[in-house]
Amino acid sequence: MTDSIDTVIFDLDGTLVDSQPAALGATIQALSRFDVRVTAADLREVFGGGARKLLNHFLERDLGAYRASQLLEDAIKLRSGLQLDLTGEVVLLSGVKELLALLKDREFRLAVATMSSRLVVDRVLAHHGVESYFDAVLTVDDVTNGKPDPEILTKTVERLGGQVDNALYAGDSSHDLEAAVELGMPFLLVDSGLYVRGEAREKLRAAAVKHGFPVVGFDQLMDIGEIVRR
């Protein structure tokens, strides 16, 4: 890992916030309106590529590709509205505000790069009073290709006028890790266990270790401040 990190880019869900009640709950409710039944466990298996990918997966599974294509846009809008209504249930992970304040005090550039929608992200960041810490916030609405494609990371670095080698991406999923690896960007795994569980979580940790990436638990977020300094 480079020793000249000046930018830290964060994923949002499972990395900075526990959004399960809102993200999973809204998805389950939205799909049920189209007679598609899913559980939280079902969603966790494919979560991470944005609402379009997530909803389309289950609509296609139960209704077929043609019917899914007809209903997808309505499902996306419905889920977004439901998720906004549940903003109050999104919890900022312990230590996040302290970490962001520490990094800003040390003059790191900070950004969010997430597959959540712009409306949802802006509402969550404002709800917790952390929007001012970030120099850039990019969402699924800013890209053509969702993670694990690294497009959102490329655009975030460009927005900040920085360099890939000098930016660290902190995320909690295989999509996050794969995007960073493809771009050649340093990565840090936030092993929160919120969305990625069981065997998938073990494989993700092993992949991070294999690549030489640091791993922190959700109760060790302040360690990120020292990791980026090193």
Protein backbone atom coordinates (compact mmCIF):
# COMPACT_ATOMS: atom_id res chain seq x y z
CA MET A 1 0.00 0.00 0.00
CA THR A 2 1.24 3.49 -0.84
CA ASP A 3 2.51 5.58 2.06
CA SER A 4 1.12 8.83 0.65
CA ILE A 5 -2.64 8.48 1.09
CA ASP A 6 -4.33 11.89 0.97
CA THR A 7 -7.89 10.82 0.15
CA VAL A 8 -10.26 8.41 1.89
CA ILE A 9 -13.36 7.27 0.01
CA PHE A 10 -16.10 5.47 1.94
CA ASP A 11 -18.85 3.14 0.91
CA LEU A 12 -22.01 3.98 2.88
CA ASP A 13 -24.23 1.00 3.74
CA GLY A 14 -22.51 -1.38 6.14
CA THR A 15 -19.43 0.86 6.24
CA LEU A 16 -20.57 4.13 7.81
CA VAL A 17 -24.18 3.28 8.61
CA ASP A 18 -26.37 0.34 9.52
CA SER A 19 -29.15 0.83 7.01
CA GLN A 20 -30.61 -2.66 7.14
CA PRO A 21 -34.10 -1.73 8.42
CA ALA A 22 -34.43 0.88 5.66
CA ALA A 23 -32.60 -0.76 2.75
CA LEU A 24 -33.76 -4.32 3.29
CA GLY A 25 -37.18 -3.41 4.65
CA ALA A 26 -37.96 -1.10 1.74
CA THR A 27 -36.84 -3.73 -0.76
CA ILE A 28 -38.98 -6.45 0.81
CA GLN A 29 -42.01 -4.14 0.88
CA ALA A 30 -41.51 -2.92 -2.68
CA LEU A 31 -41.16 -6.41 -4.13
CA SER A 32 -44.19 -7.63 -2.21
CA ARG A 33 -46.33 -5.08 -4.10
CA PHE A 34 -45.52 -7.11 -7.22
CA ASP A 35 -46.18 -10.43 -5.49
CA VAL A 36 -42.48 -11.21 -5.21
CA ARG A 37 -41.60 -12.64 -1.79
CA VAL A 38 -38.06 -12.35 -0.44
CA THR A 39 -36.36 -12.50 2.94
CA ALA A 40 -33.54 -10.43 4.39
CA ALA A 41 -31.26 -13.47 3.92
CA ASP A 42 -32.20 -13.62 0.22
CA LEU A 43 -31.31 -9.95 -0.21
CA ARG A 44 -27.96 -10.19 1.56
CA GLU A 45 -26.79 -12.82 -0.94
CA VAL A 46 -26.93 -10.32 -3.82
CA PHE A 47 -26.89 -6.94 -2.03
CA GLY A 48 -24.36 -4.33 -3.10
CA GLY A 49 -24.86 -3.45 -6.76
CA GLY A 50 -27.60 -0.87 -6.36
CA ALA A 51 -31.40 -0.97 -6.36
CA ARG A 52 -31.73 -1.61 -10.09
CA LYS A 53 -29.60 -4.73 -9.99
CA LEU A 54 -31.13 -5.94 -6.73
CA LEU A 55 -34.76 -5.49 -7.71
CA ASN A 56 -34.29 -6.81 -11.23
CA HIS A 57 -32.71 -10.00 -9.87
CA PHE A 58 -35.81 -10.94 -7.89
CA LEU A 59 -38.36 -9.65 -10.39
CA GLU A 60 -36.72 -11.81 -13.06
CA ARG A 61 -36.51 -14.75 -10.70
CA ASP A 62 -40.24 -14.79 -10.00
CA LEU A 63 -41.83 -13.07 -12.98
CA GLY A 64 -39.45 -13.60 -15.90
CA ALA A 65 -37.26 -11.20 -17.84
CA TYR A 66 -40.00 -9.58 -19.92
CA ARG A 67 -42.32 -8.82 -17.02
CA ALA A 68 -39.36 -7.66 -14.92
CA SER A 69 -38.39 -5.13 -17.59
CA GLN A 70 -41.94 -3.75 -17.52
CA LEU A 71 -42.04 -3.34 -13.75
CA LEU A 72 -38.47 -2.39 -12.87
CA GLU A 73 -38.74 1.41 -13.01
CA ASP A 74 -41.90 1.40 -10.91
CA ALA A 75 -40.22 -0.92 -8.40
CA ILE A 76 -37.18 1.36 -8.14
CA LYS A 77 -39.32 4.44 -7.49
CA LEU A 78 -41.42 2.59 -4.95
CA ARG A 79 -38.40 1.28 -3.06
CA SER A 80 -36.77 4.74 -3.00
CA GLY A 81 -39.88 6.32 -1.49
CA LEU A 82 -40.18 3.60 1.12
CA GLN A 83 -36.50 3.92 2.00
CA LEU A 84 -36.77 7.68 2.44
CA ASP A 85 -39.66 7.14 4.84
CA LEU A 86 -37.40 4.87 6.92
CA THR A 87 -34.45 7.28 7.14
CA GLY A 88 -34.94 7.64 10.89
CA GLU A 89 -34.11 3.95 11.32
CA VAL A 90 -30.66 4.30 9.71
CA VAL A 91 -28.01 4.20 12.44
CA LEU A 92 -24.60 5.84 12.19
CA LEU A 93 -21.98 3.32 13.26
CA SER A 94 -20.16 4.03 16.50
CA GLY A 95 -17.11 6.24 16.05
CA VAL A 96 -17.95 7.47 12.56
CA LYS A 97 -18.29 11.16 13.47
CA GLU A 98 -15.09 11.03 15.49
CA LEU A 99 -13.26 9.34 12.61
CA LEU A 100 -14.45 11.85 10.04
CA ALA A 101 -13.51 14.76 12.29
CA LEU A 102 -10.06 13.26 12.86
CA LEU A 103 -9.43 12.75 9.16
CA LYS A 104 -10.59 16.26 8.27
CA ASP A 105 -8.42 17.69 11.02
CA ARG A 106 -5.48 15.90 9.41
CA GLU A 107 -6.46 17.43 6.06
CA PHE A 108 -7.48 14.27 4.24
CA ARG A 109 -9.96 14.69 1.41
CA LEU A 110 -13.06 12.64 2.13
CA ALA A 111 -15.73 11.23 -0.16
CA VAL A 112 -18.62 8.80 -0.31
CA ALA A 113 -18.97 6.39 -3.25
CA THR A 114 -22.10 4.27 -2.92
CA MET A 115 -24.65 2.41 -5.00
CA SER A 116 -27.51 3.97 -3.02
CA SER A 117 -29.56 6.68 -4.73
CA ARG A 118 -28.81 10.38 -4.47
CA LEU A 119 -32.04 11.18 -2.64
CA VAL A 120 -31.46 8.47 -0.05
CA VAL A 121 -27.79 9.29 0.49
CA ASP A 122 -28.34 13.03 0.88
CA ARG A 123 -31.17 12.39 3.33
CA VAL A 124 -29.11 9.96 5.44
CA LEU A 125 -26.02 12.19 5.58
CA ALA A 126 -28.12 15.23 6.50
CA HIS A 127 -30.11 13.27 9.08
CA HIS A 128 -26.88 12.42 10.91
CA GLY A 129 -25.25 15.81 10.35
CA VAL A 130 -22.16 14.49 8.57
CA GLU A 131 -22.64 15.83 5.04
CA SER A 132 -20.19 18.71 5.62
CA TYR A 133 -17.28 16.31 6.19
CA PHE A 134 -17.30 15.13 2.57
CA ASP A 135 -15.64 16.90 -0.33
CA ALA A 136 -17.54 14.73 -2.81
CA VAL A 137 -20.51 12.37 -2.69
CA LEU A 138 -21.12 10.08 -5.66
CA THR A 139 -24.07 7.72 -5.93
CA VAL A 140 -25.55 5.22 -8.34
CA ASP A 141 -27.13 8.19 -10.13
CA ASP A 142 -23.67 9.41 -11.17
CA VAL A 143 -22.55 6.29 -13.01
CA THR A 144 -23.55 4.00 -15.85
CA ASN A 145 -22.00 0.86 -14.39
CA GLY A 146 -22.51 -0.25 -10.80
CA LYS A 147 -19.92 -1.87 -8.57
CA PRO A 148 -17.93 -4.06 -8.88
CA ASP A 149 -17.18 -1.97 -11.94
CA PRO A 150 -14.78 0.72 -10.66
CA GLU A 151 -16.45 3.58 -12.55
CA ILE A 152 -17.69 5.25 -9.37
CA LEU A 153 -14.20 5.21 -7.86
CA THR A 154 -12.65 6.63 -11.03
CA LYS A 155 -15.19 9.44 -11.10
CA THR A 156 -14.75 10.17 -7.40
CA VAL A 157 -11.00 10.57 -7.76
CA GLU A 158 -11.50 12.77 -10.83
CA ARG A 159 -14.04 14.91 -8.95
CA LEU A 160 -11.49 15.46 -6.19
CA GLY A 161 -8.62 16.11 -8.59
CA GLY A 162 -6.58 13.36 -6.98
CA GLN A 163 -4.73 10.20 -7.96
CA VAL A 164 -5.84 6.58 -7.65
CA ASP A 165 -2.63 5.58 -5.87
CA ASN A 166 -3.17 8.25 -3.24
CA ALA A 167 -6.75 7.30 -2.42
CA LEU A 168 -7.98 4.58 -0.07
CA TYR A 169 -11.41 2.99 -0.50
CA ALA A 170 -13.08 1.68 2.65
CA GLY A 171 -15.95 -0.75 2.11
CA ASP A 172 -17.67 -3.79 3.52
CA SER A 173 -18.42 -6.01 0.53
CA SER A 174 -16.84 -8.07 -2.22
CA HIS A 175 -18.20 -5.53 -4.72
CA ASP A 176 -16.18 -2.83 -2.98
CA LEU A 177 -13.01 -4.92 -2.85
CA GLU A 178 -13.28 -6.03 -6.47
CA ALA A 179 -13.81 -2.47 -7.70
CA ALA A 180 -10.72 -1.28 -5.85
CA VAL A 181 -8.61 -4.21 -7.08
CA GLU A 182 -9.64 -3.67 -10.70
CA LEU A 183 -8.69 -0.01 -10.47
CA GLY A 184 -5.49 -0.65 -8.53
CA MET A 185 -6.69 1.45 -5.60
CA PRO A 186 -5.67 0.68 -2.00
CA PHE A 187 -8.56 -0.85 -0.07
CA LEU A 188 -9.59 -1.29 3.55
CA LEU A 189 -12.23 -3.81 4.58
CA VAL A 190 -14.71 -2.70 7.22
CA ASP A 191 -15.71 -6.12 8.51
CA SER A 192 -19.03 -4.99 9.98
CA GLY A 193 -20.89 -8.23 9.35
CA LEU A 194 -24.06 -6.25 8.71
CA TYR A 195 -24.75 -7.24 5.13
CA VAL A 196 -22.07 -9.86 4.50
CA ARG A 197 -22.43 -12.86 6.79
CA GLY A 198 -21.52 -16.50 7.22
CA GLU A 199 -19.37 -18.16 4.56
CA ALA A 200 -19.46 -15.08 2.33
CA ARG A 201 -17.98 -13.02 5.14
CA GLU A 202 -15.19 -15.53 5.70
CA LYS A 203 -14.35 -15.52 1.99
CA LEU A 204 -14.34 -11.72 1.93
CA ARG A 205 -11.94 -11.51 4.86
CA ALA A 206 -9.69 -14.11 3.23
CA ALA A 207 -9.68 -12.15 -0.03
CA ALA A 208 -8.73 -8.94 1.79
CA VAL A 209 -5.88 -10.67 3.60
CA LYS A 210 -4.71 -12.31 0.35
CA HIS A 211 -4.38 -8.89 -1.27
CA GLY A 212 -2.64 -7.44 1.77
CA PHE A 213 -5.49 -5.09 2.62
CA PRO A 214 -6.10 -4.04 6.23
CA VAL A 215 -9.25 -5.29 7.96
CA VAL A 216 -11.06 -3.49 10.81
CA GLY A 217 -14.17 -4.47 12.74
CA PHE A 218 -17.10 -2.07 12.99
CA ASP A 219 -16.01 -1.32 16.55
CA GLN A 220 -12.49 -0.41 15.37
CA LEU A 221 -13.30 2.39 12.94
CA MET A 222 -11.00 4.86 14.68
CA ASP A 223 -8.10 2.60 13.69
CA ILE A 224 -8.58 3.83 10.14
CA GLY A 225 -7.09 7.15 11.19
CA GLU A 226 -3.78 5.46 12.02
CA ILE A 227 -3.87 3.07 9.09
CA VAL A 228 -4.05 5.87 6.51
CA ARG A 229 -1.21 7.71 8.23
CA ARG A 230 0.99 4.63 7.81
